[in-house]
PDB file of N, CA and C in Angstrom:
ATOM      1  N   MET A   1       9.681   6.751  -0.845  1.00  0.00           N
ATOM      2  CA  MET A   1      10.121   5.908   0.253  1.00  0.00           C
ATOM      3  C   MET A   1      10.973   6.715   1.240  1.00  0.00           C
ATOM      4  N   PHE A   2      11.747   7.674   0.727  1.00  0.00           N
ATOM      5  CA  PHE A   2      12.571   8.499   1.620  1.00  0.00           C
ATOM      6  C   PHE A   2      11.711   9.324   2.568  1.00  0.00           C
ATOM      7  N   TYR A   3      10.608   9.858   2.057  1.00  0.00           N
ATOM      8  CA  TYR A   3       9.701  10.623   2.928  1.00  0.00           C
ATOM      9  C   TYR A   3       9.082   9.700   3.976  1.00  0.00           C
ATOM     10  N   GLU A   4       8.680   8.524   3.560  1.00  0.00           N
ATOM     11  CA  GLU A   4       8.031   7.596   4.476  1.00  0.00           C
ATOM     12  C   GLU A   4       8.984   7.152   5.583  1.00  0.00           C
ATOM     13  N   LYS A   5      10.243   6.990   5.253  1.00  0.00           N
ATOM     14  CA  LYS A   5      11.219   6.539   6.245  1.00  0.00           C
ATOM     15  C   LYS A   5      11.832   7.687   7.039  1.00  0.00           C
ATOM     16  N   GLY A   6      11.572   8.923   6.594  1.00  0.00           N
ATOM     17  CA  GLY A   6      12.124  10.068   7.298  1.00  0.00           C
ATOM     18  C   GLY A   6      13.566  10.356   6.943  1.00  0.00           C
ATOM     19  N   THR A   7      14.056   9.809   5.842  1.00  0.00           N
ATOM     20  CA  THR A   7      15.464   9.987   5.468  1.00  0.00           C
ATOM     21  C   THR A   7      15.657  11.044   4.385  1.00  0.00           C
ATOM     22  N   HIS A   8      14.582  11.629   3.884  1.00  0.00           N
ATOM     23  CA  HIS A   8      14.703  12.693   2.888  1.00  0.00           C
ATOM     24  C   HIS A   8      15.173  13.959   3.594  1.00  0.00           C
ATOM     25  N   TYR A   9      15.956  14.779   2.913  1.00  0.00           N
ATOM     26  CA  TYR A   9      16.484  15.974   3.565  1.00  0.00           C
ATOM     27  C   TYR A   9      15.403  16.975   3.941  1.00  0.00           C
ATOM     28  N   TYR A  10      14.189  16.847   3.416  1.00  0.00           N
ATOM     29  CA  TYR A  10      13.076  17.699   3.837  1.00  0.00           C
ATOM     30  C   TYR A  10      12.438  17.220   5.146  1.00  0.00           C
ATOM     31  N   CYS A  11      12.780  16.034   5.578  1.00  0.00           N
ATOM     32  CA  CYS A  11      12.220  15.494   6.820  1.00  0.00           C
ATOM     33  C   CYS A  11      13.051  16.019   7.992  1.00  0.00           C
ATOM     34  N   THR A  12      12.404  16.710   8.901  1.00  0.00           N
ATOM     35  CA  THR A  12      13.128  17.255  10.050  1.00  0.00           C
ATOM     36  C   THR A  12      13.272  16.187  11.118  1.00  0.00           C
ATOM     37  N   ASP A  13      14.423  16.169  11.727  1.00  0.00           N
ATOM     38  CA  ASP A  13      14.730  15.225  12.812  1.00  0.00           C
ATOM     39  C   ASP A  13      14.507  13.769  12.407  1.00  0.00           C
ATOM     40  N   ASN A  14      14.683  13.469  11.135  1.00  0.00           N
ATOM     41  CA  ASN A  14      14.517  12.106  10.608  1.00  0.00           C
ATOM     42  C   ASN A  14      13.145  11.508  10.914  1.00  0.00           C
ATOM     43  N   LYS A  15      12.135  12.377  10.976  1.00  0.00           N
ATOM     44  CA  LYS A  15      10.766  11.903  11.198  1.00  0.00           C
ATOM     45  C   LYS A  15      10.076  11.726   9.850  1.00  0.00           C
ATOM     46  N   PRO A  16       9.296  10.664   9.707  1.00  0.00           N
ATOM     47  CA  PRO A  16       8.584  10.437   8.444  1.00  0.00           C
ATOM     48  C   PRO A  16       7.627  11.578   8.115  1.00  0.00           C
ATOM     49  N   ASN A  17       7.473  11.835   6.851  1.00  0.00           N
ATOM     50  CA  ASN A  17       6.489  12.801   6.380  1.00  0.00           C
ATOM     51  C   ASN A  17       5.509  12.021   5.504  1.00  0.00           C
ATOM     52  N   TYR A  18       4.486  11.461   6.140  1.00  0.00           N
ATOM     53  CA  TYR A  18       3.547  10.594   5.445  1.00  0.00           C
ATOM     54  C   TYR A  18       2.696  11.342   4.420  1.00  0.00           C
ATOM     55  N   GLU A  19       2.441  12.621   4.679  1.00  0.00           N
ATOM     56  CA  GLU A  19       1.639  13.387   3.724  1.00  0.00           C
ATOM     57  C   GLU A  19       2.359  13.525   2.389  1.00  0.00           C
ATOM     58  N   LEU A  20       3.655  13.864   2.441  1.00  0.00           N
ATOM     59  CA  LEU A  20       4.422  13.967   1.200  1.00  0.00           C
ATOM     60  C   LEU A  20       4.631  12.597   0.570  1.00  0.00           C
ATOM     61  N   ALA A  21       4.849  11.593   1.384  1.00  0.00           N
ATOM     62  CA  ALA A  21       5.002  10.238   0.854  1.00  0.00           C
ATOM     63  C   ALA A  21       3.736   9.825   0.104  1.00  0.00           C
ATOM     64  N   TRP A  22       2.565  10.085   0.704  1.00  0.00           N
ATOM     65  CA  TRP A  22       1.283   9.761   0.065  1.00  0.00           C
ATOM     66  C   TRP A  22       1.188  10.428  -1.297  1.00  0.00           C
ATOM     67  N   ARG A  23       1.514  11.717  -1.341  1.00  0.00           N
ATOM     68  CA  ARG A  23       1.430  12.461  -2.597  1.00  0.00           C
ATOM     69  C   ARG A  23       2.306  11.835  -3.678  1.00  0.00           C
ATOM     70  N   HIS A  24       3.495  11.426  -3.289  1.00  0.00           N
ATOM     71  CA  HIS A  24       4.417  10.855  -4.273  1.00  0.00           C
ATOM     72  C   HIS A  24       4.020   9.426  -4.672  1.00  0.00           C
ATOM     73  N   PHE A  25       3.514   8.647  -3.731  1.00  0.00           N
ATOM     74  CA  PHE A  25       3.031   7.308  -4.096  1.00  0.00           C
ATOM     75  C   PHE A  25       1.861   7.412  -5.070  1.00  0.00           C
ATOM     76  N   LYS A  26       0.963   8.342  -4.793  1.00  0.00           N
ATOM     77  CA  LYS A  26      -0.199   8.536  -5.663  1.00  0.00           C
ATOM     78  C   LYS A  26       0.245   9.007  -7.046  1.00  0.00           C
ATOM     79  N   GLU A  27       1.185   9.925  -7.079  1.00  0.00           N
ATOM     80  CA  GLU A  27       1.708  10.407  -8.366  1.00  0.00           C
ATOM     81  C   GLU A  27       2.418   9.284  -9.112  1.00  0.00           C
ATOM     82  N   ALA A  28       3.190   8.489  -8.400  1.00  0.00           N
ATOM     83  CA  ALA A  28       3.884   7.366  -9.036  1.00  0.00           C
ATOM     84  C   ALA A  28       2.888   6.398  -9.658  1.00  0.00           C
ATOM     85  N   TYR A  29       1.790   6.172  -8.958  1.00  0.00           N
ATOM     86  CA  TYR A  29       0.772   5.289  -9.514  1.00  0.00           C
ATOM     87  C   TYR A  29       0.090   5.934 -10.722  1.00  0.00           C
ATOM     88  N   ASN A  30      -0.263   7.209 -10.607  1.00  0.00           N
ATOM     89  CA  ASN A  30      -1.004   7.878 -11.674  1.00  0.00           C
ATOM     90  C   ASN A  30      -0.203   8.044 -12.959  1.00  0.00           C
ATOM     91  N   ILE A  31       1.102   8.274 -12.848  1.00  0.00           N
ATOM     92  CA  ILE A  31       1.882   8.474 -14.064  1.00  0.00           C
ATOM     93  C   ILE A  31       2.819   7.308 -14.351  1.00  0.00           C
ATOM     94  N   GLY A  32       2.759   6.294 -13.501  1.00  0.00           N
ATOM     95  CA  GLY A  32       3.642   5.145 -13.670  1.00  0.00           C
ATOM     96  C   GLY A  32       3.286   4.288 -14.864  1.00  0.00           C
ATOM     97  N   ASP A  33       4.178   3.402 -15.168  1.00  0.00           N
ATOM     98  CA  ASP A  33       4.001   2.482 -16.284  1.00  0.00           C
ATOM     99  C   ASP A  33       3.475   1.151 -15.746  1.00  0.00           C
ATOM    100  N   PRO A  34       2.217   0.791 -16.098  1.00  0.00           N
ATOM    101  CA  PRO A  34       1.665  -0.478 -15.597  1.00  0.00           C
ATOM    102  C   PRO A  34       2.478  -1.698 -16.009  1.00  0.00           C
ATOM    103  N   ASN A  35       3.290  -1.551 -17.041  1.00  0.00           N
ATOM    104  CA  ASN A  35       4.114  -2.673 -17.496  1.00  0.00           C
ATOM    105  C   ASN A  35       5.465  -2.728 -16.794  1.00  0.00           C
ATOM    106  N   ALA A  36       5.747  -1.726 -15.959  1.00  0.00           N
ATOM    107  CA  ALA A  36       7.008  -1.717 -15.214  1.00  0.00           C
ATOM    108  C   ALA A  36       7.019  -2.898 -14.260  1.00  0.00           C
ATOM    109  N   GLU A  37       8.177  -3.432 -14.046  1.00  0.00           N
ATOM    110  CA  GLU A  37       8.295  -4.666 -13.270  1.00  0.00           C
ATOM    111  C   GLU A  37       7.755  -4.541 -11.845  1.00  0.00           C
ATOM    112  N   ASN A  38       8.199  -3.539 -11.087  1.00  0.00           N
ATOM    113  CA  ASN A  38       7.795  -3.468  -9.683  1.00  0.00           C
ATOM    114  C   ASN A  38       7.275  -2.123  -9.222  1.00  0.00           C
ATOM    115  N   GLU A  39       7.744  -1.039  -9.790  1.00  0.00           N
ATOM    116  CA  GLU A  39       7.443   0.281  -9.260  1.00  0.00           C
ATOM    117  C   GLU A  39       5.950   0.571  -9.225  1.00  0.00           C
ATOM    118  N   PHE A  40       5.249   0.252 -10.284  1.00  0.00           N
ATOM    119  CA  PHE A  40       3.814   0.510 -10.371  1.00  0.00           C
ATOM    120  C   PHE A  40       3.056  -0.299  -9.312  1.00  0.00           C
ATOM    121  N   LYS A  41       3.419  -1.561  -9.185  1.00  0.00           N
ATOM    122  CA  LYS A  41       2.771  -2.432  -8.199  1.00  0.00           C
ATOM    123  C   LYS A  41       3.077  -1.968  -6.778  1.00  0.00           C
ATOM    124  N   GLU A  42       4.307  -1.524  -6.551  1.00  0.00           N
ATOM    125  CA  GLU A  42       4.693  -1.058  -5.225  1.00  0.00           C
ATOM    126  C   GLU A  42       3.906   0.197  -4.847  1.00  0.00           C
ATOM    127  N   ALA A  43       3.706   1.101  -5.794  1.00  0.00           N
ATOM    128  CA  ALA A  43       2.917   2.309  -5.521  1.00  0.00           C
ATOM    129  C   ALA A  43       1.488   1.923  -5.163  1.00  0.00           C
ATOM    130  N   ARG A  44       0.911   0.970  -5.879  1.00  0.00           N
ATOM    131  CA  ARG A  44      -0.457   0.519  -5.599  1.00  0.00           C
ATOM    132  C   ARG A  44      -0.515  -0.107  -4.210  1.00  0.00           C
ATOM    133  N   PHE A  45       0.475  -0.915  -3.878  1.00  0.00           N
ATOM    134  CA  PHE A  45       0.557  -1.534  -2.549  1.00  0.00           C
ATOM    135  C   PHE A  45       0.614  -0.461  -1.459  1.00  0.00           C
ATOM    136  N   LYS A  46       1.448   0.558  -1.669  1.00  0.00           N
ATOM    137  CA  LYS A  46       1.584   1.626  -0.683  1.00  0.00           C
ATOM    138  C   LYS A  46       0.271   2.385  -0.516  1.00  0.00           C
ATOM    139  N   LEU A  47      -0.451   2.628  -1.599  1.00  0.00           N
ATOM    140  CA  LEU A  47      -1.758   3.285  -1.490  1.00  0.00           C
ATOM    141  C   LEU A  47      -2.690   2.440  -0.624  1.00  0.00           C
ATOM    142  N   GLY A  48      -2.621   1.125  -0.797  1.00  0.00           N
ATOM    143  CA  GLY A  48      -3.419   0.227   0.035  1.00  0.00           C
ATOM    144  C   GLY A  48      -3.074   0.362   1.511  1.00  0.00           C
ATOM    145  N   GLN A  49      -1.786   0.421   1.806  1.00  0.00           N
ATOM    146  CA  GLN A  49      -1.370   0.580   3.202  1.00  0.00           C
ATOM    147  C   GLN A  49      -1.877   1.890   3.791  1.00  0.00           C
ATOM    148  N   TYR A  50      -1.784   2.950   3.025  1.00  0.00           N
ATOM    149  CA  TYR A  50      -2.218   4.252   3.539  1.00  0.00           C
ATOM    150  C   TYR A  50      -3.719   4.267   3.812  1.00  0.00           C
ATOM    151  N   HIS A  51      -4.482   3.566   2.990  1.00  0.00           N
ATOM    152  CA  HIS A  51      -5.921   3.476   3.233  1.00  0.00           C
ATOM    153  C   HIS A  51      -6.224   2.530   4.399  1.00  0.00           C
ATOM    154  N   GLN A  52      -5.461   1.475   4.538  1.00  0.00           N
ATOM    155  CA  GLN A  52      -5.718   0.532   5.617  1.00  0.00           C
ATOM    156  C   GLN A  52      -5.392   1.121   6.989  1.00  0.00           C
ATOM    157  N   TYR A  53      -4.283   1.837   7.087  1.00  0.00           N
ATOM    158  CA  TYR A  53      -3.818   2.310   8.387  1.00  0.00           C
ATOM    159  C   TYR A  53      -4.043   3.798   8.633  1.00  0.00           C
ATOM    160  N   GLY A  54      -4.523   4.524   7.624  1.00  0.00           N
ATOM    161  CA  GLY A  54      -4.770   5.948   7.795  1.00  0.00           C
ATOM    162  C   GLY A  54      -3.515   6.795   7.787  1.00  0.00           C
ATOM    163  N   TYR A  55      -2.459   6.306   7.165  1.00  0.00           N
ATOM    164  CA  TYR A  55      -1.229   7.093   7.054  1.00  0.00           C
ATOM    165  C   TYR A  55      -1.471   8.325   6.188  1.00  0.00           C
ATOM    166  N   GLY A  56      -0.643   9.328   6.385  1.00  0.00           N
ATOM    167  CA  GLY A  56      -0.668  10.513   5.542  1.00  0.00           C
ATOM    168  C   GLY A  56      -1.953  11.299   5.607  1.00  0.00           C
ATOM    169  N   GLY A  57      -2.668  11.155   6.708  1.00  0.00           N
ATOM    170  CA  GLY A  57      -3.919  11.880   6.846  1.00  0.00           C
ATOM    171  C   GLY A  57      -5.076  11.273   6.069  1.00  0.00           C
ATOM    172  N   GLN A  58      -4.855  10.118   5.471  1.00  0.00           N
ATOM    173  CA  GLN A  58      -5.928   9.448   4.736  1.00  0.00           C
ATOM    174  C   GLN A  58      -6.904   8.805   5.711  1.00  0.00           C
ATOM    175  N   PRO A  59      -8.184   8.904   5.427  1.00  0.00           N
ATOM    176  CA  PRO A  59      -9.134   8.199   6.297  1.00  0.00           C
ATOM    177  C   PRO A  59      -8.994   6.693   6.105  1.00  0.00           C
ATOM    178  N   ILE A  60      -9.144   5.971   7.166  1.00  0.00           N
ATOM    179  CA  ILE A  60      -9.094   4.504   7.055  1.00  0.00           C
ATOM    180  C   ILE A  60     -10.280   4.055   6.217  1.00  0.00           C
ATOM    181  N   ASN A  61      -9.983   3.290   5.193  1.00  0.00           N
ATOM    182  CA  ASN A  61     -11.012   2.794   4.292  1.00  0.00           C
ATOM    183  C   ASN A  61     -10.588   1.402   3.831  1.00  0.00           C
ATOM    184  N   ILE A  62     -11.126   0.395   4.495  1.00  0.00           N
ATOM    185  CA  ILE A  62     -10.742  -0.989   4.214  1.00  0.00           C
ATOM    186  C   ILE A  62     -11.083  -1.374   2.774  1.00  0.00           C
ATOM    187  N   ASN A  63     -12.199  -0.885   2.257  1.00  0.00           N
ATOM    188  CA  ASN A  63     -12.573  -1.222   0.879  1.00  0.00           C
ATOM    189  C   ASN A  63     -11.558  -0.699  -0.129  1.00  0.00           C
ATOM    190  N   LEU A  64     -11.075   0.527   0.073  1.00  0.00           N
ATOM    191  CA  LEU A  64     -10.048   1.066  -0.821  1.00  0.00           C
ATOM    192  C   LEU A  64      -8.724   0.330  -0.636  1.00  0.00           C
ATOM    193  N   ALA A  65      -8.425  -0.052   0.586  1.00  0.00           N
ATOM    194  CA  ALA A  65      -7.209  -0.827   0.837  1.00  0.00           C
ATOM    195  C   ALA A  65      -7.272  -2.143   0.078  1.00  0.00           C
ATOM    196  N   ILE A  66      -8.394  -2.838   0.195  1.00  0.00           N
ATOM    197  CA  ILE A  66      -8.556  -4.117  -0.508  1.00  0.00           C
ATOM    198  C   ILE A  66      -8.447  -3.914  -2.012  1.00  0.00           C
ATOM    199  N   SER A  67      -9.090  -2.889  -2.532  1.00  0.00           N
ATOM    200  CA  SER A  67      -9.052  -2.620  -3.966  1.00  0.00           C
ATOM    201  C   SER A  67      -7.618  -2.409  -4.454  1.00  0.00           C
ATOM    202  N   ASN A  68      -6.862  -1.606  -3.729  1.00  0.00           N
ATOM    203  CA  ASN A  68      -5.471  -1.359  -4.124  1.00  0.00           C
ATOM    204  C   ASN A  68      -4.618  -2.608  -4.003  1.00  0.00           C
ATOM    205  N   TYR A  69      -4.757  -3.323  -2.894  1.00  0.00           N
ATOM    206  CA  TYR A  69      -3.993  -4.556  -2.719  1.00  0.00           C
ATOM    207  C   TYR A  69      -4.330  -5.581  -3.807  1.00  0.00           C
ATOM    208  N   GLU A  70      -5.616  -5.733  -4.089  1.00  0.00           N
ATOM    209  CA  GLU A  70      -6.024  -6.732  -5.086  1.00  0.00           C
ATOM    210  C   GLU A  70      -5.447  -6.421  -6.461  1.00  0.00           C
ATOM    211  N   LYS A  71      -5.467  -5.153  -6.847  1.00  0.00           N
ATOM    212  CA  LYS A  71      -4.943  -4.788  -8.162  1.00  0.00           C
ATOM    213  C   LYS A  71      -3.448  -5.075  -8.261  1.00  0.00           C
ATOM    214  N   ALA A  72      -2.724  -4.864  -7.175  1.00  0.00           N
ATOM    215  CA  ALA A  72      -1.295  -5.190  -7.184  1.00  0.00           C
ATOM    216  C   ALA A  72      -1.089  -6.700  -7.078  1.00  0.00           C
ATOM    217  N   ALA A  73      -1.918  -7.372  -6.285  1.00  0.00           N
ATOM    218  CA  ALA A  73      -1.774  -8.818  -6.107  1.00  0.00           C
ATOM    219  C   ALA A  73      -2.051  -9.582  -7.398  1.00  0.00           C
ATOM    220  N   ILE A  74      -3.010  -9.101  -8.177  1.00  0.00           N
ATOM    221  CA  ILE A  74      -3.312  -9.738  -9.461  1.00  0.00           C
ATOM    222  C   ILE A  74      -2.085  -9.717 -10.361  1.00  0.00           C
ATOM    223  N   ASP A  75      -1.253  -8.683 -10.185  1.00  0.00           N
ATOM    224  CA  ASP A  75      -0.008  -8.574 -10.948  1.00  0.00           C
ATOM    225  C   ASP A  75       1.155  -9.271 -10.242  1.00  0.00           C
ATOM    226  N   LYS A  76       0.831 -10.162  -9.326  1.00  0.00           N
ATOM    227  CA  LYS A  76       1.822 -10.998  -8.624  1.00  0.00           C
ATOM    228  C   LYS A  76       2.713 -10.233  -7.639  1.00  0.00           C
ATOM    229  N   HIS A  77       2.177  -9.156  -7.045  1.00  0.00           N
ATOM    230  CA  HIS A  77       2.925  -8.435  -6.019  1.00  0.00           C
ATOM    231  C   HIS A  77       2.746  -9.190  -4.706  1.00  0.00           C
ATOM    232  N   ILE A  78       3.782  -9.839  -4.253  1.00  0.00           N
ATOM    233  CA  ILE A  78       3.709 -10.760  -3.115  1.00  0.00           C
ATOM    234  C   ILE A  78       3.324 -10.048  -1.819  1.00  0.00           C
ATOM    235  N   GLU A  79       3.858  -8.858  -1.568  1.00  0.00           N
ATOM    236  CA  GLU A  79       3.510  -8.141  -0.337  1.00  0.00           C
ATOM    237  C   GLU A  79       2.017  -7.811  -0.298  1.00  0.00           C
ATOM    238  N   SER A  80       1.434  -7.532  -1.461  1.00  0.00           N
ATOM    239  CA  SER A  80      -0.004  -7.253  -1.517  1.00  0.00           C
ATOM    240  C   SER A  80      -0.811  -8.508  -1.225  1.00  0.00           C
ATOM    241  N   MET A  81      -0.352  -9.646  -1.721  1.00  0.00           N
ATOM    242  CA  MET A  81      -1.039 -10.904  -1.425  1.00  0.00           C
ATOM    243  C   MET A  81      -1.016 -11.171   0.078  1.00  0.00           C
ATOM    244  N   ASN A  82       0.144 -10.952   0.686  1.00  0.00           N
ATOM    245  CA  ASN A  82       0.278 -11.150   2.125  1.00  0.00           C
ATOM    246  C   ASN A  82      -0.580 -10.151   2.904  1.00  0.00           C
ATOM    247  N   ALA A  83      -0.609  -8.901   2.452  1.00  0.00           N
ATOM    248  CA  ALA A  83      -1.429  -7.876   3.112  1.00  0.00           C
ATOM    249  C   ALA A  83      -2.902  -8.259   3.055  1.00  0.00           C
ATOM    250  N   LEU A  84      -3.339  -8.768   1.902  1.00  0.00           N
ATOM    251  CA  LEU A  84      -4.735  -9.206   1.779  1.00  0.00           C
ATOM    252  C   LEU A  84      -5.029 -10.364   2.714  1.00  0.00           C
ATOM    253  N   GLY A  85      -4.117 -11.330   2.771  1.00  0.00           N
ATOM    254  CA  GLY A  85      -4.304 -12.457   3.680  1.00  0.00           C
ATOM    255  C   GLY A  85      -4.431 -11.994   5.118  1.00  0.00           C
ATOM    256  N   SER A  86      -3.560 -11.098   5.529  1.00  0.00           N
ATOM    257  CA  SER A  86      -3.592 -10.574   6.895  1.00  0.00           C
ATOM    258  C   SER A  86      -4.861  -9.774   7.154  1.00  0.00           C
ATOM    259  N   LEU A  87      -5.248  -8.954   6.197  1.00  0.00           N
ATOM    260  CA  LEU A  87      -6.447  -8.135   6.356  1.00  0.00           C
ATOM    261  C   LEU A  87      -7.696  -9.009   6.477  1.00  0.00           C
ATOM    262  N   TYR A  88      -7.815  -9.999   5.597  1.00  0.00           N
ATOM    263  CA  TYR A  88      -8.974 -10.894   5.674  1.00  0.00           C
ATOM    264  C   TYR A  88      -8.956 -11.716   6.956  1.00  0.00           C
ATOM    265  N   PHE A  89      -7.778 -12.102   7.416  1.00  0.00           N
ATOM    266  CA  PHE A  89      -7.688 -12.903   8.624  1.00  0.00           C
ATOM    267  C   PHE A  89      -7.976 -12.069   9.879  1.00  0.00           C
ATOM    268  N   ASN A  90      -7.306 -10.930  10.014  1.00  0.00           N
ATOM    269  CA  ASN A  90      -7.379 -10.142  11.243  1.00  0.00           C
ATOM    270  C   ASN A  90      -8.551  -9.176  11.310  1.00  0.00           C
ATOM    271  N   GLU A  91      -8.892  -8.550  10.209  1.00  0.00           N
ATOM    272  CA  GLU A  91      -9.910  -7.492  10.228  1.00  0.00           C
ATOM    273  C   GLU A  91     -11.302  -8.013   9.862  1.00  0.00           C
ATOM    274  N   ILE A  92     -11.350  -8.778   8.788  1.00  0.00           N
ATOM    275  CA  ILE A  92     -12.648  -9.185   8.239  1.00  0.00           C
ATOM    276  C   ILE A  92     -13.096 -10.545   8.780  1.00  0.00           C
ATOM    277  N   LYS A  93     -12.152 -11.326   9.250  1.00  0.00           N
ATOM    278  CA  LYS A  93     -12.411 -12.659   9.808  1.00  0.00           C
ATOM    279  C   LYS A  93     -12.983 -13.621   8.762  1.00  0.00           C
ATOM    280  N   ASP A  94     -12.552 -13.458   7.521  1.00  0.00           N
ATOM    281  CA  ASP A  94     -12.921 -14.382   6.448  1.00  0.00           C
ATOM    282  C   ASP A  94     -11.698 -15.278   6.231  1.00  0.00           C
ATOM    283  N   TYR A  95     -11.666 -16.381   6.964  1.00  0.00           N
ATOM    284  CA  TYR A  95     -10.482 -17.223   6.996  1.00  0.00           C
ATOM    285  C   TYR A  95     -10.252 -17.974   5.684  1.00  0.00           C
ATOM    286  N   ASP A  96     -11.324 -18.305   4.971  1.00  0.00           N
ATOM    287  CA  ASP A  96     -11.161 -18.963   3.679  1.00  0.00           C
ATOM    288  C   ASP A  96     -10.485 -18.020   2.681  1.00  0.00           C
ATOM    289  N   GLN A  97     -10.948 -16.778   2.648  1.00  0.00           N
ATOM    290  CA  GLN A  97     -10.361 -15.791   1.740  1.00  0.00           C
ATOM    291  C   GLN A  97      -8.905 -15.508   2.157  1.00  0.00           C
ATOM    292  N   ALA A  98      -8.675 -15.423   3.446  1.00  0.00           N
ATOM    293  CA  ALA A  98      -7.305 -15.206   3.944  1.00  0.00           C
ATOM    294  C   ALA A  98      -6.395 -16.336   3.471  1.00  0.00           C
ATOM    295  N   ALA A  99      -6.854 -17.564   3.607  1.00  0.00           N
ATOM    296  CA  ALA A  99      -6.048 -18.711   3.187  1.00  0.00           C
ATOM    297  C   ALA A  99      -5.747 -18.662   1.701  1.00  0.00           C
ATOM    298  N   GLU A 100      -6.722 -18.250   0.902  1.00  0.00           N
ATOM    299  CA  GLU A 100      -6.491 -18.137  -0.548  1.00  0.00           C
ATOM    300  C   GLU A 100      -5.364 -17.154  -0.843  1.00  0.00           C
ATOM    301  N   TRP A 101      -5.380 -16.017  -0.198  1.00  0.00           N
ATOM    302  CA  TRP A 101      -4.335 -15.016  -0.471  1.00  0.00           C
ATOM    303  C   TRP A 101      -2.992 -15.468   0.072  1.00  0.00           C
ATOM    304  N   PHE A 102      -2.978 -16.130   1.208  1.00  0.00           N
ATOM    305  CA  PHE A 102      -1.707 -16.625   1.732  1.00  0.00           C
ATOM    306  C   PHE A 102      -1.112 -17.707   0.835  1.00  0.00           C
ATOM    307  N   ARG A 103      -1.973 -18.518   0.246  1.00  0.00           N
ATOM    308  CA  ARG A 103      -1.476 -19.535  -0.691  1.00  0.00           C
ATOM    309  C   ARG A 103      -0.890 -18.879  -1.909  1.00  0.00           C
TER     310      ARG A 103
END
């Protein structure tokens, strides 16, 4: 999160370093504990964001974004549920699916 916000001491001029943030989010997911209360789900959510918006040099891939969000949302990660609702509403135009995730 420090790299993403630009507050890590490796970030020059307080600018975000999305490439390093991506690497650490991916590592957190890969070695994280799926039974952990929030950290594992948050890493999955962040991977979804990076795929949705192309952060960290990642190619935009809506399918990977949905996959990451859904896996976190199934574990009751509220931000992922909201992200899915927004994605289905704004990008895919599937309003029924959007409503389900918003509910």
